[in-house]
Amino acid sequence: MFCNSENNTFDNKLITMRLTKLIILCFGMFVSAAHAQQTISAKLIDATNQAPIPYATISIDDYTGVISNDKGEFNITYNKKITSQDSLFISCLGYEQKHIAVQNFTDSIITLNAKSIDLSEVFITNKNYTIDEIMDKVKAGLENNYDFGLTKRKLFYRESYYTTMLKTDIDIKKSTIPEFNQAFIDSVLSAVPKNTDSHTEVLAELYGKIENGQPQKMDILKASRLYDKKNEVTFENYEDRFNQIVRKHVKRDSYFKIKSGWFGTKEEIDSTFFEDKQVDEETAEFIEQKKEQEEKRKANFLNWRKNTIHNFENNGFLAEDTDLNFIEKSRKYEFELLDFAYLNNAFVYTISFKPKRGADFEGTMYVNTDDFAIVRVDYKNVKPLRTFGLLGISLNEFLKEGTIIYQKNTNEKYTLKYADASFGQRVGIKRPIKIIEKNKNVKGRRKQNEVAGDIHFIVKNIDKRELIVFESNPITDADFDSFKEIADVTPTYLPQYDPEFWKGYNIIEPNQAIKDFKIIETED
């Protein structure tokens, strides 16, 4: 007994020592990691007029960099040991580049001085080209200046969607189903929020040719969705109520005739709609259903965001048949050489463009004086891009504006560094509508039920997108083929803005609307 007790005591001491060492080791690793990972947050302003400076490039090295948002704010995180030699490099169009020692950085406001251009510096290496000669060289260099090949892009993408219901009217003229009355329809419409917004953020690596329409593969590293989940629950409740009414009054083998004025369509009813199958949550069937649903959600999210981001990459002046066609259809535009500027250690021509033959955009582009590559464009539409109105249906695409910035990659070719764009449209429908239930298996009249009325909806949507590419590195066909795309991430739901969610990651600093987003809790 004595020997066993002594052995047990020795074993317990040994275990305690090992646990203590493990805890100390883990604590040391945590402290080390916390020390290695640091974040700098600040705001850039003009030294003269104190105005915020948007779209400035802030970097620590060639691989760690961000862009300031439209308010001049930025947040940059680095994962390396900082020495006295490390500096924060800040560059922006029209401003002197600024170097700030990273060690002991505490400033929350950083001022930049406007860059004065000595024209003799520019003309030492450049001829006095006319605007037509400059534009000819810009067009001639499009194919060679930009990288359209296979690349791996590490990026952050944010999409914000704002919806305003300007009009929501349904006037019930006739209903053979008692529950489908004006009071029920009004209660549904009252639940529709007049103003909603949602925000999706994705940190990912995208593989493929940058050229429009080329296949892409994506690895989502992290994602979030910021929206009001109560809206989903509300409409689920109405959907359940609607389904109950239909099951009560509509026959299983019926079909619907949907008519609006002269137009009509036939809609069959899926017989499974009438099957109210209850599945035990603990059964293997239920678990398998949930697993399949989750896998489908992940695949759908990956494919949807992959295609959206790749399309947005090509939503500029390089793609053929683009809305932003001031290069492709340059004869429709008037160009003017305004000045010279300084951007990322290079001189650029500042050139304005505006419509002269019914074109859609005006703006300013910045062209490198050495290779005649367009390195930045600020643009805005001057008239609606598309309008449509026929038989009570209307569409007005009234807004498209944004900024596009390019920088060179390791191939010495230009690739997208940053893009933001806002798209706005207004959609309206003012039509009579009639839904008739028919059944050919019932003796007598085929018509079983009818709901008829007038609908009038007007919706305004604003879609704002932002994309920053942290790294863009050329890859081979073998690299692309060997990468296996796995859909294993769905966005984390956030009921309000959480600055901790992206802590430790480089992203685009959110705008004030996102920071202020918070679901207002209401009492039932």
Protein backbone atom coordinates (compact mmCIF):
# COMPACT_ATOMS: atom_id res chain seq x y z
CA MET A 1 0.00 0.00 0.00
CA PHE A 2 2.85 2.37 0.88
CA CYS A 3 4.58 1.76 -2.43
CA ASN A 4 1.37 2.31 -4.40
CA SER A 5 0.69 5.56 -2.52
CA GLU A 6 4.22 6.79 -3.21
CA ASN A 7 3.88 5.95 -6.90
CA ASN A 8 0.53 7.72 -7.11
CA THR A 9 1.98 10.82 -5.43
CA PHE A 10 4.91 10.81 -7.84
CA ASP A 11 2.56 10.40 -10.82
CA ASN A 12 0.34 13.24 -9.61
CA LYS A 13 3.35 15.53 -9.19
CA LEU A 14 4.57 14.62 -12.67
CA ILE A 15 1.16 15.32 -14.19
CA THR A 16 0.97 18.63 -12.29
CA MET A 17 4.41 19.66 -13.54
CA ARG A 18 3.49 18.80 -17.12
CA LEU A 19 0.21 20.70 -16.90
CA THR A 20 2.02 23.69 -15.41
CA LYS A 21 4.58 23.68 -18.22
CA LEU A 22 1.79 23.32 -20.79
CA ILE A 23 -0.12 26.28 -19.31
CA ILE A 24 3.05 28.39 -19.23
CA LEU A 25 3.84 27.41 -22.81
CA CYS A 26 0.34 28.25 -24.01
CA PHE A 27 0.39 31.55 -22.12
CA GLY A 28 3.77 32.38 -23.62
CA MET A 29 2.50 31.57 -27.12
CA PHE A 30 -0.56 33.74 -26.52
CA VAL A 31 1.54 36.67 -25.28
CA SER A 32 3.94 36.22 -28.18
CA ALA A 33 1.11 36.12 -30.72
CA ALA A 34 -0.55 39.14 -29.14
CA HIS A 35 2.77 40.97 -29.30
CA ALA A 36 3.41 39.96 -32.91
CA GLN A 37 -0.03 40.94 -34.15
CA GLN A 38 -0.63 44.67 -33.92
CA THR A 39 -3.20 47.02 -35.38
CA ILE A 40 -2.97 50.66 -36.40
CA SER A 41 -6.14 52.72 -36.77
CA ALA A 42 -6.17 56.34 -37.86
CA LYS A 43 -7.77 58.94 -40.12
CA LEU A 44 -6.08 60.82 -42.96
CA ILE A 45 -6.84 64.51 -43.46
CA ASP A 46 -5.59 67.29 -45.70
CA ALA A 47 -3.06 69.47 -43.85
CA THR A 48 -4.53 72.65 -45.34
CA ASN A 49 -8.30 72.31 -45.25
CA GLN A 50 -8.67 69.38 -42.78
CA ALA A 51 -10.82 67.45 -45.28
CA PRO A 52 -10.71 63.63 -45.10
CA ILE A 53 -8.52 61.91 -47.71
CA PRO A 54 -10.20 58.84 -49.25
CA TYR A 55 -8.60 56.03 -51.27
CA ALA A 56 -5.07 56.52 -49.95
CA THR A 57 -2.77 53.47 -49.94
CA ILE A 58 -1.39 52.56 -46.52
CA SER A 59 1.23 49.82 -46.35
CA ILE A 60 4.01 48.44 -44.19
CA ASP A 61 5.63 46.32 -46.87
CA ASP A 62 4.85 44.99 -50.35
CA TYR A 63 2.46 42.40 -48.90
CA THR A 64 0.57 44.29 -46.16
CA GLY A 65 -1.56 47.20 -47.29
CA VAL A 66 -5.04 48.69 -47.17
CA ILE A 67 -7.01 51.59 -48.64
CA SER A 68 -8.59 54.40 -46.61
CA ASN A 69 -12.38 54.57 -46.89
CA ASP A 70 -14.45 57.51 -48.14
CA LYS A 71 -13.99 59.23 -44.76
CA GLY A 72 -10.20 58.80 -44.80
CA GLU A 73 -10.29 56.11 -42.11
CA PHE A 74 -8.15 52.99 -42.20
CA ASN A 75 -7.27 50.00 -40.07
CA ILE A 76 -4.15 47.93 -40.80
CA THR A 77 -3.01 44.78 -38.99
CA TYR A 78 0.45 43.24 -39.33
CA ASN A 79 1.75 39.90 -38.10
CA LYS A 80 5.47 40.39 -37.75
CA LYS A 81 7.98 41.67 -35.27
CA ILE A 82 8.36 45.39 -35.79
CA THR A 83 11.80 46.98 -35.66
CA SER A 84 12.95 50.58 -35.62
CA GLN A 85 13.45 50.31 -39.39
CA ASP A 86 9.79 49.59 -40.14
CA SER A 87 7.64 52.46 -41.38
CA LEU A 88 4.08 53.09 -42.39
CA PHE A 89 4.04 54.23 -46.03
CA ILE A 90 1.13 56.44 -47.00
CA SER A 91 0.59 57.58 -50.58
CA CYS A 92 -2.33 59.25 -52.25
CA LEU A 93 -3.02 61.05 -55.49
CA GLY A 94 -1.90 64.68 -55.27
CA TYR A 95 -0.19 64.33 -51.88
CA GLU A 96 3.38 63.91 -50.72
CA GLN A 97 4.20 60.38 -49.66
CA LYS A 98 4.56 60.07 -45.92
CA HIS A 99 6.71 57.66 -43.89
CA ILE A 100 5.93 57.16 -40.21
CA ALA A 101 7.86 54.91 -37.83
CA VAL A 102 5.60 52.05 -36.75
CA GLN A 103 7.14 51.60 -33.33
CA ASN A 104 5.25 53.55 -30.69
CA PHE A 105 2.71 54.79 -33.24
CA THR A 106 -0.11 56.53 -31.36
CA ASP A 107 -1.57 59.13 -33.75
CA SER A 108 -5.28 58.93 -34.49
CA ILE A 109 -5.11 61.73 -37.07
CA ILE A 110 -2.50 61.84 -39.83
CA THR A 111 -2.11 64.93 -42.02
CA LEU A 112 -0.84 64.84 -45.60
CA ASN A 113 0.59 67.78 -47.52
CA ALA A 114 -0.38 68.49 -51.11
CA LYS A 115 2.34 67.56 -53.61
CA SER A 116 3.65 70.45 -55.69
CA ILE A 117 4.60 69.32 -59.19
CA ASP A 118 7.69 70.69 -60.90
CA LEU A 119 6.73 70.42 -64.57
CA SER A 120 10.38 70.26 -65.59
CA GLU A 121 10.59 66.92 -63.75
CA VAL A 122 7.82 65.57 -65.94
CA PHE A 123 9.04 66.86 -69.26
CA ILE A 124 12.59 65.56 -68.79
CA THR A 125 11.38 62.12 -69.84
CA ASN A 126 8.17 62.94 -71.70
CA LYS A 127 7.36 64.80 -74.86
CA ASN A 128 4.72 67.48 -74.90
CA TYR A 129 1.99 65.16 -76.20
CA THR A 130 -1.41 66.42 -77.25
CA ILE A 131 -4.49 64.91 -75.62
CA ASP A 132 -5.24 62.94 -78.80
CA GLU A 133 -1.71 61.47 -78.80
CA ILE A 134 -2.02 60.53 -75.13
CA MET A 135 -5.36 58.77 -75.73
CA ASP A 136 -3.93 56.89 -78.72
CA LYS A 137 -1.10 55.61 -76.53
CA VAL A 138 -3.56 54.67 -73.77
CA LYS A 139 -5.54 52.53 -76.21
CA ALA A 140 -2.40 50.99 -77.73
CA GLY A 141 -1.16 49.96 -74.28
CA LEU A 142 -4.33 48.33 -72.96
CA GLU A 143 -3.35 44.80 -73.98
CA ASN A 144 0.23 44.95 -72.64
CA ASN A 145 -0.18 47.16 -69.57
CA TYR A 146 -2.77 45.05 -67.76
CA ASP A 147 -2.56 41.47 -66.54
CA PHE A 148 -5.36 39.27 -67.87
CA GLY A 149 -3.64 35.96 -67.06
CA LEU A 150 -4.00 33.39 -64.31
CA THR A 151 -3.58 34.93 -60.86
CA LYS A 152 -4.29 34.27 -57.23
CA ARG A 153 -5.90 37.28 -55.56
CA LYS A 154 -6.26 37.65 -51.82
CA LEU A 155 -9.13 40.08 -51.36
CA PHE A 156 -11.80 41.57 -49.16
CA TYR A 157 -15.25 42.30 -50.58
CA ARG A 158 -18.15 44.17 -49.04
CA GLU A 159 -21.62 44.61 -50.49
CA SER A 160 -24.25 46.82 -48.88
CA TYR A 161 -27.84 46.73 -50.09
CA TYR A 162 -30.29 49.50 -49.21
CA THR A 163 -33.99 49.18 -50.06
CA THR A 164 -36.69 51.84 -49.75
CA MET A 165 -40.33 50.94 -50.36
CA LEU A 166 -41.77 54.11 -51.87
CA LYS A 167 -45.22 52.64 -52.49
CA THR A 168 -46.94 49.39 -51.44
CA ASP A 169 -50.61 49.25 -52.37
CA ILE A 170 -52.87 46.25 -53.06
CA ASP A 171 -56.58 46.91 -53.52
CA ILE A 172 -58.68 43.72 -53.35
CA LYS A 173 -61.63 43.94 -55.75
CA LYS A 174 -62.93 40.37 -55.47
CA SER A 175 -62.16 37.29 -53.37
CA THR A 176 -64.03 34.00 -53.12
CA ILE A 177 -61.68 32.95 -50.29
CA PRO A 178 -62.87 34.69 -47.10
CA GLU A 179 -59.42 34.75 -45.49
CA PHE A 180 -57.91 36.54 -48.50
CA ASN A 181 -59.59 39.83 -47.71
CA GLN A 182 -58.37 43.42 -47.60
CA ALA A 183 -57.64 43.26 -43.88
CA PHE A 184 -55.32 40.25 -44.33
CA ILE A 185 -53.51 41.87 -47.27
CA ASP A 186 -53.14 45.13 -45.34
CA SER A 187 -51.65 43.26 -42.40
CA VAL A 188 -49.09 41.64 -44.70
CA LEU A 189 -48.17 45.00 -46.25
CA SER A 190 -47.88 46.63 -42.83
CA ALA A 191 -45.23 44.05 -41.94
CA VAL A 192 -43.13 45.02 -44.94
CA PRO A 193 -40.38 47.37 -43.65
CA LYS A 194 -40.18 50.66 -45.54
CA ASN A 195 -36.40 50.89 -45.23
CA THR A 196 -34.02 47.98 -44.94
CA ASP A 197 -30.31 47.46 -45.35
CA SER A 198 -28.00 44.46 -45.27
CA HIS A 199 -24.24 44.08 -45.50
CA THR A 200 -22.19 41.08 -46.59
CA GLU A 201 -18.42 40.88 -46.07
CA VAL A 202 -16.09 38.23 -47.48
CA LEU A 203 -12.37 37.61 -47.02
CA ALA A 204 -11.21 35.16 -49.67
CA GLU A 205 -8.62 33.99 -52.17
CA LEU A 206 -9.75 33.93 -55.79
CA TYR A 207 -8.01 31.85 -58.46
CA GLY A 208 -8.37 32.21 -62.22
CA LYS A 209 -7.89 34.49 -65.19
CA ILE A 210 -8.94 38.04 -64.47
CA GLU A 211 -10.46 38.29 -67.93
CA ASN A 212 -14.24 38.52 -67.92
CA GLY A 213 -16.14 35.23 -68.24
CA GLN A 214 -13.22 32.98 -67.31
CA PRO A 215 -13.77 30.14 -64.78
CA GLN A 216 -12.83 30.95 -61.20
CA LYS A 217 -12.16 29.03 -58.00
CA MET A 218 -12.46 30.56 -54.57
CA ASP A 219 -11.44 29.78 -51.01
CA ILE A 220 -13.56 31.74 -48.51
CA LEU A 221 -11.54 32.39 -45.37
CA LYS A 222 -14.19 34.25 -43.37
CA ALA A 223 -17.53 35.92 -44.03
CA SER A 224 -20.29 37.79 -42.25
CA ARG A 225 -23.81 39.08 -42.89
CA LEU A 226 -25.23 42.06 -41.06
CA TYR A 227 -29.02 42.32 -41.33
CA ASP A 228 -32.26 42.21 -39.38
CA LYS A 229 -33.21 38.56 -38.99
CA LYS A 230 -36.65 39.43 -37.62
CA ASN A 231 -37.79 40.32 -41.14
CA GLU A 232 -37.19 36.72 -42.21
CA VAL A 233 -39.14 35.38 -39.24
CA THR A 234 -42.05 37.76 -39.96
CA PHE A 235 -42.41 36.62 -43.54
CA GLU A 236 -42.04 32.98 -42.56
CA ASN A 237 -45.07 33.47 -40.32
CA TYR A 238 -47.08 34.97 -43.18
CA GLU A 239 -45.92 32.23 -45.51
CA ASP A 240 -47.19 29.61 -43.06
CA ARG A 241 -50.52 31.41 -42.78
CA PHE A 242 -50.79 31.70 -46.56
CA ASN A 243 -50.05 27.99 -46.99
CA GLN A 244 -52.72 27.07 -44.45
CA ILE A 245 -55.33 29.13 -46.33
CA VAL A 246 -54.40 27.58 -49.69
CA ARG A 247 -54.49 24.03 -48.32
CA LYS A 248 -57.92 24.71 -46.83
CA HIS A 249 -59.58 26.11 -49.98
CA VAL A 250 -57.60 24.88 -53.00
CA LYS A 251 -58.00 21.36 -54.38
CA ARG A 252 -54.98 19.13 -54.74
CA ASP A 253 -55.37 18.60 -58.52
CA SER A 254 -56.15 22.22 -59.39
CA TYR A 255 -54.00 24.72 -61.27
CA PHE A 256 -53.77 28.52 -61.26
CA LYS A 257 -54.39 30.97 -64.09
CA ILE A 258 -52.62 34.22 -63.33
CA LYS A 259 -53.76 37.18 -65.46
CA SER A 260 -52.69 40.81 -65.60
CA GLY A 261 -54.56 42.72 -68.27
CA TRP A 262 -53.96 40.99 -71.61
CA PHE A 263 -51.19 38.80 -70.21
CA GLY A 264 -51.66 35.46 -68.54
CA THR A 265 -49.83 32.32 -67.49
CA LYS A 266 -50.69 28.88 -66.18
CA GLU A 267 -49.12 27.63 -62.95
CA GLU A 268 -49.39 24.00 -61.86
CA ILE A 269 -49.53 23.13 -58.16
CA ASP A 270 -46.88 20.79 -56.83
CA SER A 271 -48.73 17.92 -55.13
CA THR A 272 -46.12 17.81 -52.35
CA PHE A 273 -47.38 21.23 -51.28
CA PHE A 274 -50.35 19.47 -49.65
CA GLU A 275 -48.20 16.98 -47.76
CA ASP A 276 -47.63 18.20 -44.24
CA LYS A 277 -44.96 15.67 -43.39
CA GLN A 278 -43.56 15.86 -39.89
CA VAL A 279 -40.02 14.61 -39.44
CA ASP A 280 -38.71 13.72 -36.01
CA GLU A 281 -35.71 15.94 -35.28
CA GLU A 282 -33.79 13.03 -33.80
CA THR A 283 -34.16 10.68 -36.75
CA ALA A 284 -31.39 9.95 -39.23
CA GLU A 285 -33.62 11.32 -42.00
CA PHE A 286 -33.92 14.71 -40.29
CA ILE A 287 -30.18 14.88 -39.63
CA GLU A 288 -29.41 13.99 -43.23
CA GLN A 289 -31.84 16.64 -44.50
CA LYS A 290 -30.19 19.30 -42.35
CA LYS A 291 -26.75 18.20 -43.53
CA GLU A 292 -27.80 18.41 -47.18
CA GLN A 293 -29.37 21.84 -46.61
CA GLU A 294 -26.20 23.13 -44.96
CA GLU A 295 -23.97 21.80 -47.74
CA LYS A 296 -26.24 23.42 -50.32
CA ARG A 297 -26.15 26.74 -48.44
CA LYS A 298 -22.36 26.71 -48.38
CA ALA A 299 -22.09 25.82 -52.07
CA ASN A 300 -24.65 28.45 -53.06
CA PHE A 301 -22.92 31.14 -51.00
CA LEU A 302 -19.50 30.34 -52.47
CA ASN A 303 -20.73 30.23 -56.08
CA TRP A 304 -22.85 33.34 -55.75
CA ARG A 305 -20.07 35.43 -54.17
CA LYS A 306 -17.41 34.05 -56.50
CA ASN A 307 -19.39 35.08 -59.57
CA THR A 308 -20.39 38.42 -58.06
CA ILE A 309 -16.79 39.34 -57.19
CA HIS A 310 -15.40 38.23 -60.54
CA ASN A 311 -18.07 40.23 -62.39
CA PHE A 312 -17.29 43.25 -60.23
CA GLU A 313 -13.57 42.89 -61.04
CA ASN A 314 -14.51 43.34 -64.69
CA ASN A 315 -16.99 46.13 -64.13
CA GLY A 316 -14.56 48.73 -65.48
CA PHE A 317 -13.23 50.17 -68.69
CA LEU A 318 -11.16 47.13 -69.75
CA ALA A 319 -14.01 44.73 -70.53
CA GLU A 320 -15.75 44.79 -73.89
CA ASP A 321 -19.32 46.08 -74.06
CA THR A 322 -19.04 47.68 -70.64
CA ASP A 323 -21.26 50.55 -69.50
CA LEU A 324 -18.10 52.45 -68.59
CA ASN A 325 -17.11 52.75 -72.24
CA PHE A 326 -15.12 56.01 -72.36
CA ILE A 327 -12.14 54.13 -73.88
CA GLU A 328 -13.96 51.67 -76.15
CA LYS A 329 -16.23 54.41 -77.53
CA SER A 330 -13.91 57.35 -77.04
CA ARG A 331 -15.41 59.25 -80.00
CA LYS A 332 -18.49 59.83 -77.87
CA TYR A 333 -16.41 61.65 -75.25
CA GLU A 334 -14.50 64.90 -74.98
CA PHE A 335 -11.12 64.65 -73.21
CA GLU A 336 -9.15 67.46 -71.62
CA LEU A 337 -5.66 67.42 -70.14
CA LEU A 338 -6.10 69.26 -66.85
CA ASP A 339 -2.82 68.93 -65.02
CA PHE A 340 -0.12 66.62 -63.73
CA ALA A 341 -0.21 64.80 -60.40
CA TYR A 342 1.90 62.43 -58.33
CA LEU A 343 0.69 58.94 -57.45
CA ASN A 344 2.69 56.04 -55.96
CA ASN A 345 6.08 57.54 -56.86
CA ALA A 346 5.02 58.22 -60.45
CA PHE A 347 3.84 61.22 -62.43
CA VAL A 348 0.40 60.96 -63.99
CA TYR A 349 -1.62 62.99 -66.45
CA THR A 350 -4.89 64.24 -64.99
CA ILE A 351 -7.47 63.95 -67.78
CA SER A 352 -11.18 64.74 -67.59
CA PHE A 353 -13.79 63.15 -69.81
CA LYS A 354 -17.39 64.14 -70.48
CA PRO A 355 -20.04 63.16 -73.03
CA LYS A 356 -20.28 64.87 -76.38
CA ARG A 357 -22.41 62.37 -78.34
CA GLY A 358 -25.00 60.99 -75.99
CA ALA A 359 -22.56 59.02 -73.80
CA ASP A 360 -23.38 58.19 -70.19
CA PHE A 361 -20.45 59.16 -67.95
CA GLU A 362 -18.22 61.97 -66.84
CA GLY A 363 -15.15 61.74 -64.67
CA THR A 364 -11.40 61.99 -64.28
CA MET A 365 -8.72 59.48 -65.16
CA TYR A 366 -5.06 59.41 -64.19
CA VAL A 367 -2.58 58.11 -66.77
CA ASN A 368 1.01 57.13 -66.00
CA THR A 369 3.31 59.43 -68.01
CA ASP A 370 5.81 56.61 -68.70
CA ASP A 371 3.72 53.68 -69.92
CA PHE A 372 0.35 55.44 -70.51
CA ALA A 373 -1.56 53.02 -68.29
CA ILE A 374 -4.73 54.30 -66.64
CA VAL A 375 -3.98 53.85 -62.93
CA ARG A 376 -7.13 55.42 -61.50
CA VAL A 377 -10.60 56.46 -62.67
CA ASP A 378 -13.30 58.41 -60.82
CA TYR A 379 -16.61 58.32 -62.70
CA LYS A 380 -20.29 59.14 -62.42
CA ASN A 381 -23.20 58.78 -64.81
CA VAL A 382 -24.74 62.00 -66.15
CA LYS A 383 -28.09 60.47 -67.15
CA PRO A 384 -30.03 57.26 -66.43
CA LEU A 385 -28.29 54.24 -67.92
CA ARG A 386 -31.51 52.43 -68.72
CA THR A 387 -35.16 53.39 -68.57
CA PHE A 388 -38.18 51.27 -69.39
CA GLY A 389 -41.87 51.84 -69.12
CA LEU A 390 -44.63 49.74 -70.62
CA LEU A 391 -48.09 48.68 -69.52
CA GLY A 392 -47.61 49.73 -65.91
CA ILE A 393 -44.09 48.29 -65.47
CA SER A 394 -41.20 50.74 -65.13
CA LEU A 395 -37.44 50.60 -64.58
CA ASN A 396 -35.01 53.46 -64.06
CA GLU A 397 -31.30 52.69 -63.52
CA PHE A 398 -30.46 56.16 -62.28
CA LEU A 399 -27.07 55.72 -60.61
CA LYS A 400 -23.67 54.26 -61.35
CA GLU A 401 -20.62 55.94 -59.83
CA GLY A 402 -17.35 54.86 -58.32
CA THR A 403 -13.57 54.69 -58.26
CA ILE A 404 -11.15 52.15 -59.75
CA ILE A 405 -7.45 51.96 -58.79
CA TYR A 406 -4.74 49.76 -60.38
CA GLN A 407 -1.22 48.94 -59.30
CA LYS A 408 1.60 46.78 -60.66
CA ASN A 409 2.07 43.15 -59.59
CA THR A 410 5.21 40.97 -59.64
CA ASN A 411 4.78 40.59 -63.40
CA GLU A 412 5.17 44.36 -63.76
CA LYS A 413 1.63 44.44 -65.10
CA TYR A 414 -1.28 46.38 -63.68
CA THR A 415 -3.98 44.58 -61.74
CA LEU A 416 -6.94 45.83 -59.75
CA LYS A 417 -6.03 47.16 -56.30
CA TYR A 418 -9.30 48.77 -55.26
CA ALA A 419 -12.77 49.40 -56.63
CA ASP A 420 -15.94 50.84 -55.21
CA ALA A 421 -19.20 51.43 -57.00
CA SER A 422 -22.75 52.42 -56.21
CA PHE A 423 -25.64 51.23 -58.37
CA GLY A 424 -29.14 52.66 -58.06
CA GLN A 425 -32.43 51.65 -59.63
CA ARG A 426 -36.10 52.36 -59.19
CA VAL A 427 -38.63 49.66 -60.12
CA GLY A 428 -42.36 50.14 -60.32
CA ILE A 429 -45.41 48.07 -61.19
CA LYS A 430 -48.99 49.32 -61.45
CA ARG A 431 -51.20 46.59 -62.85
CA PRO A 432 -54.46 44.77 -62.33
CA ILE A 433 -53.98 41.15 -61.29
CA LYS A 434 -56.31 38.17 -61.17
CA ILE A 435 -55.54 34.69 -59.77
CA ILE A 436 -58.06 32.00 -60.73
CA GLU A 437 -58.09 28.42 -59.44
CA LYS A 438 -59.29 25.93 -62.08
CA ASN A 439 -59.88 22.21 -61.91
CA LYS A 440 -60.76 20.01 -64.89
CA ASN A 441 -61.71 17.05 -62.70
CA VAL A 442 -64.63 18.81 -61.00
CA LYS A 443 -68.02 18.47 -62.64
CA GLY A 444 -69.55 21.68 -63.88
CA ARG A 445 -67.54 24.88 -64.00
CA ARG A 446 -63.79 24.48 -63.93
CA LYS A 447 -63.39 27.76 -62.09
CA GLN A 448 -63.15 27.12 -58.34
CA ASN A 449 -61.84 30.32 -56.72
CA GLU A 450 -60.81 33.80 -57.75
CA VAL A 451 -58.85 36.64 -56.15
CA ALA A 452 -58.62 39.91 -58.12
CA GLY A 453 -57.35 43.41 -57.43
CA ASP A 454 -54.96 46.20 -58.36
CA ILE A 455 -51.31 46.34 -57.27
CA HIS A 456 -49.01 49.36 -57.17
CA PHE A 457 -45.42 48.99 -55.96
CA ILE A 458 -42.43 51.33 -56.27
CA VAL A 459 -39.07 50.21 -54.87
CA LYS A 460 -35.74 52.06 -54.82
CA ASN A 461 -32.57 49.99 -54.42
CA ILE A 462 -29.00 51.19 -53.82
CA ASP A 463 -26.29 48.56 -54.15
CA LYS A 464 -22.85 49.66 -52.90
CA ARG A 465 -19.85 47.39 -53.50
CA GLU A 466 -16.25 47.66 -52.34
CA LEU A 467 -13.31 45.44 -53.24
CA ILE A 468 -9.68 45.60 -52.15
CA VAL A 469 -7.05 43.19 -53.46
CA PHE A 470 -4.22 42.78 -50.97
CA GLU A 471 -2.10 40.49 -53.13
CA SER A 472 -2.24 39.56 -56.80
CA ASN A 473 0.29 36.91 -57.79
CA PRO A 474 0.60 35.10 -61.14
CA ILE A 475 -0.01 31.33 -61.05
CA THR A 476 0.38 28.51 -63.57
CA ASP A 477 -2.24 26.28 -65.17
CA ALA A 478 -1.00 23.50 -62.89
CA ASP A 479 -1.55 25.70 -59.81
CA PHE A 480 -5.09 26.44 -60.91
CA ASP A 481 -5.92 22.82 -61.78
CA SER A 482 -4.48 21.45 -58.53
CA PHE A 483 -6.47 23.80 -56.29
CA LYS A 484 -9.55 22.01 -55.02
CA GLU A 485 -12.48 24.26 -54.27
CA ILE A 486 -14.29 23.30 -51.08
CA ALA A 487 -17.48 25.00 -49.94
CA ASP A 488 -17.06 24.97 -46.18
CA VAL A 489 -17.96 28.51 -45.08
CA THR A 490 -21.26 30.29 -44.67
CA PRO A 491 -21.45 33.87 -43.39
CA THR A 492 -21.69 34.49 -39.68
CA TYR A 493 -24.89 36.32 -38.82
CA LEU A 494 -24.35 39.63 -36.99
CA PRO A 495 -27.37 41.48 -35.56
CA GLN A 496 -25.24 44.62 -35.17
CA TYR A 497 -21.82 45.93 -36.13
CA ASP A 498 -19.09 44.14 -34.16
CA PRO A 499 -15.58 45.64 -34.46
CA GLU A 500 -14.16 42.49 -32.86
CA PHE A 501 -15.33 40.20 -35.68
CA TRP A 502 -12.61 41.32 -38.12
CA LYS A 503 -10.01 42.10 -35.49
CA GLY A 504 -6.64 40.82 -36.70
CA TYR A 505 -7.65 40.96 -40.38
CA ASN A 506 -7.01 43.65 -42.94
CA ILE A 507 -10.29 44.90 -44.38
CA ILE A 508 -11.81 48.10 -45.71
CA GLU A 509 -12.82 50.25 -42.75
CA PRO A 510 -16.66 50.28 -42.70
CA ASN A 511 -18.65 53.43 -43.34
CA GLN A 512 -20.78 55.11 -40.71
CA ALA A 513 -24.00 53.40 -41.84
CA ILE A 514 -22.48 50.00 -41.09
CA LYS A 515 -21.01 51.12 -37.77
CA ASP A 516 -24.40 52.48 -36.72
CA PHE A 517 -26.30 49.34 -37.76
CA LYS A 518 -28.17 47.89 -34.82
CA ILE A 519 -31.44 46.00 -34.67
CA ILE A 520 -33.98 47.82 -32.51
CA GLU A 521 -35.54 45.32 -30.15
CA THR A 522 -39.31 45.58 -29.87
CA GLU A 523 -41.65 44.11 -27.29
CA ASP A 524 -44.08 41.51 -28.57
